[in-house]
Structures are given as C-alpha cells and as structure tokens.
Amino acid sequence: MTIYDISEKAGVSIATVSRVLNGSSNVSEKTKKKVLDVINKYEYTPNAFARGLGLNTMKTIGIMCADSSDLYLAKAIYYIEQKLRANGYDSILCCTGYQLENKISSLNLLITKKVDGIILVGSNFIYENDADNKYIADAAAQVPVMLLNAALDAPNVYSVVSDDYTSMYEAAAQMIHSGVRDMIYFYNSNSYSGKKKRAGFQAAMEENKLFVPGRSLQYYQGSHEDIPAMAEHLKELSDKGISFHGIIAADDTLALAAVKYAKAKHLKIPEEISIIGYNNSMLTECCDPPLTSIDNKLETLCQHLISTLLGVLSGNEMPKKTIFSGELVKRGTTR
C-alpha cells in the first residue's frame, strides 16, 4: 500500500493525501475523513509523510551522485547541501558510480534511513529502457524523488533541467555564423543530458548542411580527469586527416584539452581554431585565452530544486518539470 493506492481508493489526488498526512489545514474535514478511512482500513503506515499523524520527520534528505570528483556534480552537491542546511535539513550522500545495480542499492539504503526525500544529482540515473528506471519509480512510491538535469515522467518524481539541447544548438549556430564551417562536437557521455547536447549540435549542423557522419561527432572514452589523454585524442584525429577549425565540447574539461591540443599544434586561438566549453566552471579561467563556455545556470537549478522539494514536503502542488535556459558566455577562445 502506497500513497498512490490511497489516493486511488479515496478518489483524491496524491497531493491531497500528502496534505492530510502532513496535517495541513487546507483540506476539508470530509476529504480528510475519506483519506484517513482508507489508511485505517488498509493499516497503511507512512514514513516521511507521516508527520501529520504524529510521527516525526527525520529532517534529512538523501543525495545520490555518480561521481563526486566530477566538477559539475561536486558543485551541484555544494549548492544543494547549502540550501538544505539553510532550511533546517541534513543530508546523506551516496556516490554510486555508474553501474545500475549500485544505484539501486544506494537508493534502497536511503529508503531504509527514513529520509524525507531523495535527490538524484546529474543525468546518469535515467535510462532509455523504461524497465531500468523502475527503481526510481519504486522509491518515489515512498518519498518524493527530485531529478537534477534529468527527467522522468512518474508519480512523485520532480525534474529541474537545463535546456541543453537549445544551448548547444545556439552555440553551434553562433560558431557557424562566425565563419567556422568544419567543427566537431567532442563528448564523453551518453547520459540524458549528454544526448540532448549532442542532438542540439547535430541539429544546427544539419540545418546548415555541415553535418558529416563519422566526422562531426567525436567520442572520447577515457578518464574524465585525464586532460593530456583528451588532447592526444584530438591530435590522433588530426593525424588521421580529420580537419577541424572549431571544437564544441560537452564540458569544460574537454574544452581545456582542446586548448592544450591547439597550443601543441601551434594553432592561433581563436583565429585558426575556435573552442566552446560547457558548464562555465572555474576551468574557464585556467587557460590562455580564457575559455568561452555555456553557463547552464547550475545554482539557479539547485535553488529551484530545493524550493520544489520543500513545497512537496509541505503538501503543496508543485510543477513536475521546470526548464531553465543556458547562456553562452563569450571569452577569448571564440571570434
């Protein structure tokens, strides 16, 4: 028995059940009685939603990320924990790695800790196969689940995302407009977000009849920390005869490697090669010239995610999915 079963049997919305369990006064006595009658009949014992029935909230949120050494994920965790602490919540962090079985294990662990909600940081938790996403829907039957920069249409799952597709499309379009025709997209992830970025780049290239299968998209499979190996990968492409005067990278680390490659090849930036990164991280100032990058508004995403979570925990109707636009921050690596 879950809150979804209760809502169905009582003929009310999930949000109404949550309000009753939270002791909200914004529910009529008649509706409250219908919900409580179902709860009593089926002997339902809620966990984090039960503060309205006399149980105490743990005031703790579970956070999961694949890899806390990743600059983007580490910064997101920092923003999220700050906002939670400011609102009186503690957090439990699980670094899961990228294997599905470890993600499932960590999610189940957080559920046993009676957390009030769970935040999945990053887009590596969502799979193309719906069956692989069942672990998230199962957890959401017990506590609200928040997705940062990923989306899943399931009850009690809330998504806050950056419009990676449009951001990458516009970045590619601007580079084309500046006169660069032979550019590549340099990426290392096929996550939910990664696919959106790649699709945006490809759409802009196809619209301008510049997309070349097998050349325009270049995948790097090594460590996300090995910048010399990334630069060497680009050198190998050049040595194979794949020419490019523009590189749009899936993150700033890959873009920094592109700058390193250009320096090794004695290419003038941006006159002979233009480079755009993604995330607008501190790495943008770690090269000469400073790196043009797409700001995906990470802090804004995290703030909105926590506001949405707190609203859900208070029994309020909250948007299931919120999308924010990114912004290209121009520096010295583009014309």
Protein backbone atom coordinates (compact mmCIF):
# COMPACT_ATOMS: atom_id res chain seq x y z
CA MET A 1 0.00 0.00 0.00
CA THR A 2 1.42 3.37 -1.09
CA ILE A 3 0.11 6.92 -1.10
CA TYR A 4 -0.85 6.32 -4.74
CA ASP A 5 -3.07 3.40 -3.75
CA ILE A 6 -4.60 5.57 -1.05
CA SER A 7 -5.29 8.41 -3.49
CA GLU A 8 -6.98 5.99 -5.90
CA LYS A 9 -9.14 4.29 -3.27
CA ALA A 10 -10.10 7.60 -1.65
CA GLY A 11 -10.76 9.25 -5.01
CA VAL A 12 -8.46 12.20 -4.32
CA SER A 13 -5.14 13.44 -5.67
CA ILE A 14 -1.74 12.38 -4.35
CA ALA A 15 -1.17 15.97 -3.21
CA THR A 16 -4.36 15.80 -1.14
CA VAL A 17 -3.19 12.59 0.54
CA SER A 18 0.12 14.30 1.27
CA ARG A 19 -1.70 17.28 2.81
CA VAL A 20 -3.70 15.00 5.07
CA LEU A 21 -0.57 13.14 6.18
CA ASN A 22 1.20 16.44 6.83
CA GLY A 23 -1.70 17.77 8.93
CA SER A 24 -2.42 20.62 6.52
CA SER A 25 -5.48 22.73 7.35
CA ASN A 26 -6.09 23.24 3.63
CA VAL A 27 -8.24 20.07 3.42
CA SER A 28 -11.94 19.77 4.21
CA GLU A 29 -12.99 17.53 7.08
CA LYS A 30 -14.99 15.37 4.66
CA THR A 31 -11.98 14.79 2.41
CA LYS A 32 -9.70 14.22 5.38
CA LYS A 33 -12.07 11.57 6.71
CA LYS A 34 -12.14 9.76 3.33
CA VAL A 35 -8.34 9.57 3.29
CA LEU A 36 -7.99 8.51 6.93
CA ASP A 37 -10.69 5.86 6.49
CA VAL A 38 -8.67 4.26 3.70
CA ILE A 39 -5.47 4.49 5.77
CA ASN A 40 -7.14 2.83 8.76
CA LYS A 41 -8.82 0.14 6.65
CA TYR A 42 -5.60 -0.97 4.99
CA GLU A 43 -3.39 -0.28 8.03
CA TYR A 44 -1.11 1.98 5.99
CA THR A 45 1.97 3.18 7.91
CA PRO A 46 3.59 6.14 6.11
CA ASN A 47 7.23 7.06 6.71
CA ALA A 48 8.43 10.54 5.81
CA PHE A 49 4.91 11.72 5.03
CA ALA A 50 3.66 10.76 8.47
CA ARG A 51 4.38 13.92 10.44
CA GLY A 52 0.66 14.82 10.29
CA LEU A 53 -0.16 11.54 12.04
CA GLY A 54 2.12 12.19 14.99
CA LEU A 55 5.42 10.74 13.72
CA ASN A 56 8.45 12.97 13.49
CA THR A 57 10.16 13.79 10.23
CA MET A 58 13.83 12.87 10.08
CA LYS A 59 14.55 16.31 8.54
CA THR A 60 17.06 14.50 6.33
CA ILE A 61 17.36 14.32 2.54
CA GLY A 62 19.21 11.60 0.66
CA ILE A 63 21.51 12.76 -2.14
CA MET A 64 22.90 10.48 -4.84
CA CYS A 65 25.53 11.28 -7.45
CA ALA A 66 27.55 9.05 -9.74
CA ASP A 67 30.96 10.62 -9.07
CA SER A 68 31.66 13.44 -6.62
CA SER A 69 35.06 14.09 -8.22
CA ASP A 70 33.25 15.46 -11.27
CA LEU A 71 33.40 19.27 -11.09
CA TYR A 72 29.78 19.78 -12.17
CA LEU A 73 28.38 17.20 -9.75
CA ALA A 74 30.58 18.41 -6.87
CA LYS A 75 29.40 22.00 -7.33
CA ALA A 76 25.78 20.87 -7.53
CA ILE A 77 26.11 18.93 -4.27
CA TYR A 78 27.62 22.02 -2.61
CA TYR A 79 24.70 24.23 -3.69
CA ILE A 80 22.11 21.61 -2.69
CA GLU A 81 23.56 20.99 0.77
CA GLN A 82 23.80 24.72 1.40
CA LYS A 83 20.12 25.22 0.57
CA LEU A 84 19.04 22.20 2.60
CA ARG A 85 21.01 23.34 5.65
CA ALA A 86 19.54 26.83 5.38
CA ASN A 87 16.09 25.24 5.60
CA GLY A 88 16.89 23.01 8.58
CA TYR A 89 17.59 19.77 6.73
CA ASP A 90 20.57 17.44 6.99
CA SER A 91 21.69 15.22 4.12
CA ILE A 92 23.15 11.78 3.44
CA LEU A 93 25.36 11.50 0.35
CA CYS A 94 25.85 8.29 -1.67
CA CYS A 95 28.39 8.23 -4.52
CA THR A 96 27.10 5.36 -6.62
CA GLY A 97 29.40 5.04 -9.60
CA TYR A 98 27.78 4.33 -12.96
CA GLN A 99 26.53 0.74 -12.57
CA LEU A 100 22.76 0.34 -12.28
CA GLU A 101 22.95 -2.25 -9.51
CA ASN A 102 24.95 0.15 -7.32
CA LYS A 103 22.41 2.92 -7.91
CA ILE A 104 19.58 0.62 -6.91
CA SER A 105 21.46 -0.48 -3.78
CA SER A 106 22.16 3.12 -2.74
CA LEU A 107 18.56 4.16 -3.31
CA ASN A 108 17.29 1.28 -1.19
CA LEU A 109 19.80 2.19 1.51
CA LEU A 110 18.50 5.76 1.67
CA ILE A 111 14.92 4.50 1.90
CA THR A 112 15.85 2.37 4.94
CA LYS A 113 17.30 5.50 6.56
CA LYS A 114 13.78 7.01 6.50
CA VAL A 115 14.88 10.12 4.61
CA ASP A 116 12.18 12.69 3.79
CA GLY A 117 13.12 12.84 0.11
CA ILE A 118 15.81 11.83 -2.36
CA ILE A 119 17.75 13.98 -4.85
CA LEU A 120 19.44 12.37 -7.84
CA VAL A 121 22.20 14.73 -8.97
CA GLY A 122 23.06 14.55 -12.67
CA SER A 123 21.57 12.79 -15.66
CA ASN A 124 23.28 9.40 -15.34
CA PHE A 125 20.41 7.95 -13.31
CA ILE A 126 17.93 7.89 -16.23
CA TYR A 127 17.97 5.10 -18.83
CA GLU A 128 16.40 4.72 -22.27
CA ASN A 129 14.87 1.41 -21.25
CA ASP A 130 11.84 2.17 -19.06
CA ALA A 131 12.36 -1.05 -17.09
CA ASP A 132 15.75 0.27 -15.92
CA ASN A 133 14.04 3.33 -14.43
CA LYS A 134 11.67 1.27 -12.29
CA TYR A 135 13.96 1.64 -9.26
CA ILE A 136 13.27 5.38 -9.26
CA ALA A 137 9.50 4.97 -9.59
CA ASP A 138 9.53 2.39 -6.78
CA ALA A 139 11.39 4.78 -4.47
CA ALA A 140 9.01 7.60 -5.39
CA ALA A 141 6.11 5.50 -4.12
CA GLN A 142 7.56 6.10 -0.65
CA VAL A 143 9.26 9.52 -0.76
CA PRO A 144 9.45 12.36 -3.30
CA VAL A 145 12.34 11.96 -5.75
CA MET A 146 13.98 15.04 -7.29
CA LEU A 147 15.99 14.86 -10.53
CA LEU A 148 18.63 17.48 -11.27
CA ASN A 149 19.14 17.93 -15.03
CA ALA A 150 17.22 14.80 -15.98
CA ALA A 151 13.55 13.99 -16.42
CA LEU A 152 11.30 11.02 -15.78
CA ASP A 153 7.51 11.00 -16.09
CA ALA A 154 6.43 9.12 -12.98
CA PRO A 155 4.28 9.88 -9.92
CA ASN A 156 6.04 11.82 -7.16
CA VAL A 157 9.11 12.43 -9.36
CA TYR A 158 10.05 16.08 -9.99
CA SER A 159 12.57 17.34 -12.54
CA VAL A 160 14.57 20.55 -12.81
CA VAL A 161 16.58 20.70 -16.02
CA SER A 162 18.73 22.98 -18.12
CA ASP A 163 17.73 23.23 -21.79
CA ASP A 164 20.92 21.55 -23.01
CA TYR A 165 19.54 20.96 -26.50
CA THR A 166 18.83 24.63 -27.20
CA SER A 167 22.04 25.82 -25.53
CA MET A 168 24.17 23.54 -27.69
CA TYR A 169 22.17 24.35 -30.83
CA GLU A 170 22.67 28.08 -30.30
CA ALA A 171 26.39 27.67 -29.54
CA ALA A 172 26.92 25.72 -32.77
CA ALA A 173 24.85 28.25 -34.73
CA GLN A 174 26.92 31.14 -33.37
CA MET A 175 30.18 29.41 -34.25
CA ILE A 176 28.90 28.78 -37.78
CA HIS A 177 27.84 32.43 -38.02
CA SER A 178 31.37 33.48 -37.05
CA GLY A 179 32.68 31.71 -40.14
CA VAL A 180 33.68 28.29 -38.78
CA ARG A 181 32.29 25.58 -41.04
CA ASP A 182 34.29 22.46 -40.19
CA MET A 183 33.69 21.95 -36.49
CA ILE A 184 33.39 18.85 -34.32
CA TYR A 185 31.44 18.01 -31.19
CA PHE A 186 33.81 16.49 -28.61
CA TYR A 187 31.97 14.48 -25.95
CA ASN A 188 32.40 11.71 -23.40
CA SER A 189 28.92 10.89 -22.12
CA ASN A 190 25.73 9.33 -23.44
CA SER A 191 23.67 10.34 -20.41
CA TYR A 192 20.25 12.01 -20.63
CA SER A 193 21.91 15.44 -20.69
CA GLY A 194 24.70 14.25 -22.99
CA LYS A 195 22.23 13.09 -25.62
CA LYS A 196 20.37 16.41 -25.51
CA LYS A 197 23.61 18.33 -26.09
CA ARG A 198 24.67 16.09 -28.95
CA ALA A 199 21.26 16.36 -30.60
CA GLY A 200 21.35 20.17 -30.38
CA PHE A 201 24.77 20.33 -32.03
CA GLN A 202 23.76 17.92 -34.76
CA ALA A 203 20.54 19.82 -35.49
CA ALA A 204 22.43 23.10 -36.01
CA MET A 205 24.97 21.40 -38.28
CA GLU A 206 22.31 19.62 -40.33
CA GLU A 207 20.30 22.81 -40.71
CA ASN A 208 23.37 24.42 -42.30
CA LYS A 209 24.19 21.28 -44.33
CA LEU A 210 27.51 20.88 -42.48
CA PHE A 211 26.96 17.63 -40.61
CA VAL A 212 29.23 14.79 -41.73
CA PRO A 213 28.51 11.34 -40.22
CA GLY A 214 31.63 9.80 -38.71
CA ARG A 215 33.43 13.14 -38.56
CA SER A 216 31.23 15.77 -36.88
CA LEU A 217 30.71 13.77 -33.65
CA GLN A 218 33.84 12.60 -31.83
CA TYR A 219 33.57 10.45 -28.72
CA TYR A 220 36.28 10.21 -26.06
CA GLN A 221 36.04 7.11 -23.87
CA GLY A 222 38.86 7.63 -21.36
CA SER A 223 39.04 9.12 -17.88
CA HIS A 224 37.22 12.42 -17.37
CA GLU A 225 40.27 13.65 -15.41
CA ASP A 226 42.97 12.83 -17.98
CA ILE A 227 43.30 16.08 -19.91
CA PRO A 228 46.56 15.06 -21.70
CA ALA A 229 44.81 11.92 -23.00
CA MET A 230 41.91 14.03 -24.27
CA ALA A 231 44.33 16.35 -26.07
CA GLU A 232 46.13 13.33 -27.53
CA HIS A 233 42.80 12.01 -28.80
CA LEU A 234 42.28 15.23 -30.75
CA LYS A 235 45.83 15.02 -32.13
CA GLU A 236 45.14 11.48 -33.34
CA LEU A 237 42.02 12.69 -35.15
CA SER A 238 44.07 15.39 -36.86
CA ASP A 239 46.80 12.90 -37.78
CA LYS A 240 44.15 10.72 -39.41
CA GLY A 241 43.27 13.59 -41.72
CA ILE A 242 40.12 14.78 -39.92
CA SER A 243 40.38 18.55 -40.20
CA PHE A 244 38.50 20.93 -37.91
CA HIS A 245 38.75 24.62 -37.08
CA GLY A 246 36.12 24.58 -34.37
CA ILE A 247 35.54 22.39 -31.31
CA ILE A 248 32.43 22.46 -29.16
CA ALA A 249 32.96 20.32 -26.09
CA ALA A 250 30.42 18.63 -23.82
CA ASP A 251 32.14 20.08 -20.73
CA ASP A 252 34.91 22.48 -19.78
CA THR A 253 37.44 19.72 -19.09
CA LEU A 254 37.19 18.50 -22.69
CA ALA A 255 37.38 22.11 -23.89
CA LEU A 256 40.51 22.70 -21.81
CA ALA A 257 42.04 19.66 -23.52
CA ALA A 258 41.11 21.25 -26.85
CA VAL A 259 43.06 24.37 -25.87
CA LYS A 260 46.00 22.17 -24.91
CA TYR A 261 45.78 20.44 -28.29
CA ALA A 262 45.70 23.77 -30.14
CA LYS A 263 48.76 25.02 -28.27
CA ALA A 264 50.67 21.82 -29.10
CA LYS A 265 49.76 22.25 -32.79
CA HIS A 266 50.76 25.94 -32.68
CA LEU A 267 47.28 26.99 -33.77
CA LYS A 268 46.22 30.56 -33.02
CA ILE A 269 43.09 30.80 -30.83
CA PRO A 270 40.54 31.93 -31.97
CA GLU A 271 41.89 32.93 -35.41
CA GLU A 272 42.73 29.40 -36.57
CA ILE A 273 40.61 27.36 -34.17
CA SER A 274 37.59 28.29 -32.02
CA ILE A 275 36.63 26.42 -28.85
CA ILE A 276 33.49 26.39 -26.70
CA GLY A 277 33.09 24.51 -23.42
CA TYR A 278 30.08 23.67 -21.26
CA ASN A 279 29.20 24.36 -17.57
CA ASN A 280 31.04 27.72 -17.27
CA SER A 281 33.16 26.28 -14.46
CA MET A 282 36.29 27.67 -12.81
CA LEU A 283 38.28 25.98 -15.59
CA THR A 284 37.26 28.77 -17.96
CA GLU A 285 39.94 30.98 -16.35
CA CYS A 286 42.58 28.23 -16.24
CA CYS A 287 43.77 28.66 -19.81
CA ASP A 288 45.05 31.38 -22.11
CA PRO A 289 42.96 32.76 -23.67
CA PRO A 290 40.06 32.32 -21.23
CA LEU A 291 37.51 29.78 -22.36
CA THR A 292 34.14 30.60 -23.92
CA SER A 293 31.59 28.35 -22.23
CA ILE A 294 27.87 27.72 -21.84
CA ASP A 295 26.53 28.66 -18.41
CA ASN A 296 23.81 26.12 -17.63
CA LYS A 297 22.66 28.09 -14.55
CA LEU A 298 23.55 25.36 -12.09
CA GLU A 299 23.00 27.40 -8.92
CA THR A 300 19.56 28.51 -10.15
CA LEU A 301 18.65 24.90 -10.93
CA CYS A 302 19.69 23.77 -7.46
CA GLN A 303 17.80 26.59 -5.74
CA HIS A 304 14.62 25.78 -7.64
CA LEU A 305 15.01 22.06 -6.98
CA ILE A 306 15.14 22.62 -3.22
CA SER A 307 12.20 25.03 -3.34
CA THR A 308 10.19 22.43 -5.21
CA LEU A 309 11.14 19.69 -2.76
CA LEU A 310 10.19 21.80 0.25
CA GLY A 311 6.87 22.61 -1.39
CA VAL A 312 6.16 18.93 -1.98
CA LEU A 313 7.04 18.06 1.62
CA SER A 314 4.62 20.77 2.77
CA GLY A 315 1.83 19.15 0.75
CA ASN A 316 1.66 21.79 -1.96
CA GLU A 317 1.03 21.20 -5.66
CA MET A 318 4.38 21.75 -7.38
CA PRO A 319 5.42 21.68 -11.07
CA LYS A 320 6.53 18.25 -12.22
CA LYS A 321 9.17 19.63 -14.58
CA THR A 322 10.88 23.01 -14.77
CA ILE A 323 13.25 24.00 -17.58
CA PHE A 324 15.85 26.80 -17.46
CA SER A 325 17.71 28.28 -20.41
CA GLY A 326 21.51 28.35 -20.61
CA GLU A 327 23.66 31.26 -21.74
CA LEU A 328 26.78 31.40 -23.89
CA VAL A 329 29.48 33.36 -22.02
CA LYS A 330 31.94 34.62 -24.62
CA ARG A 331 35.63 34.85 -23.79
CA GLY A 332 38.84 34.59 -25.75
CA THR A 333 38.50 31.18 -27.44
CA THR A 334 35.83 32.30 -29.93
CA ARG A 335 35.73 35.01 -32.58
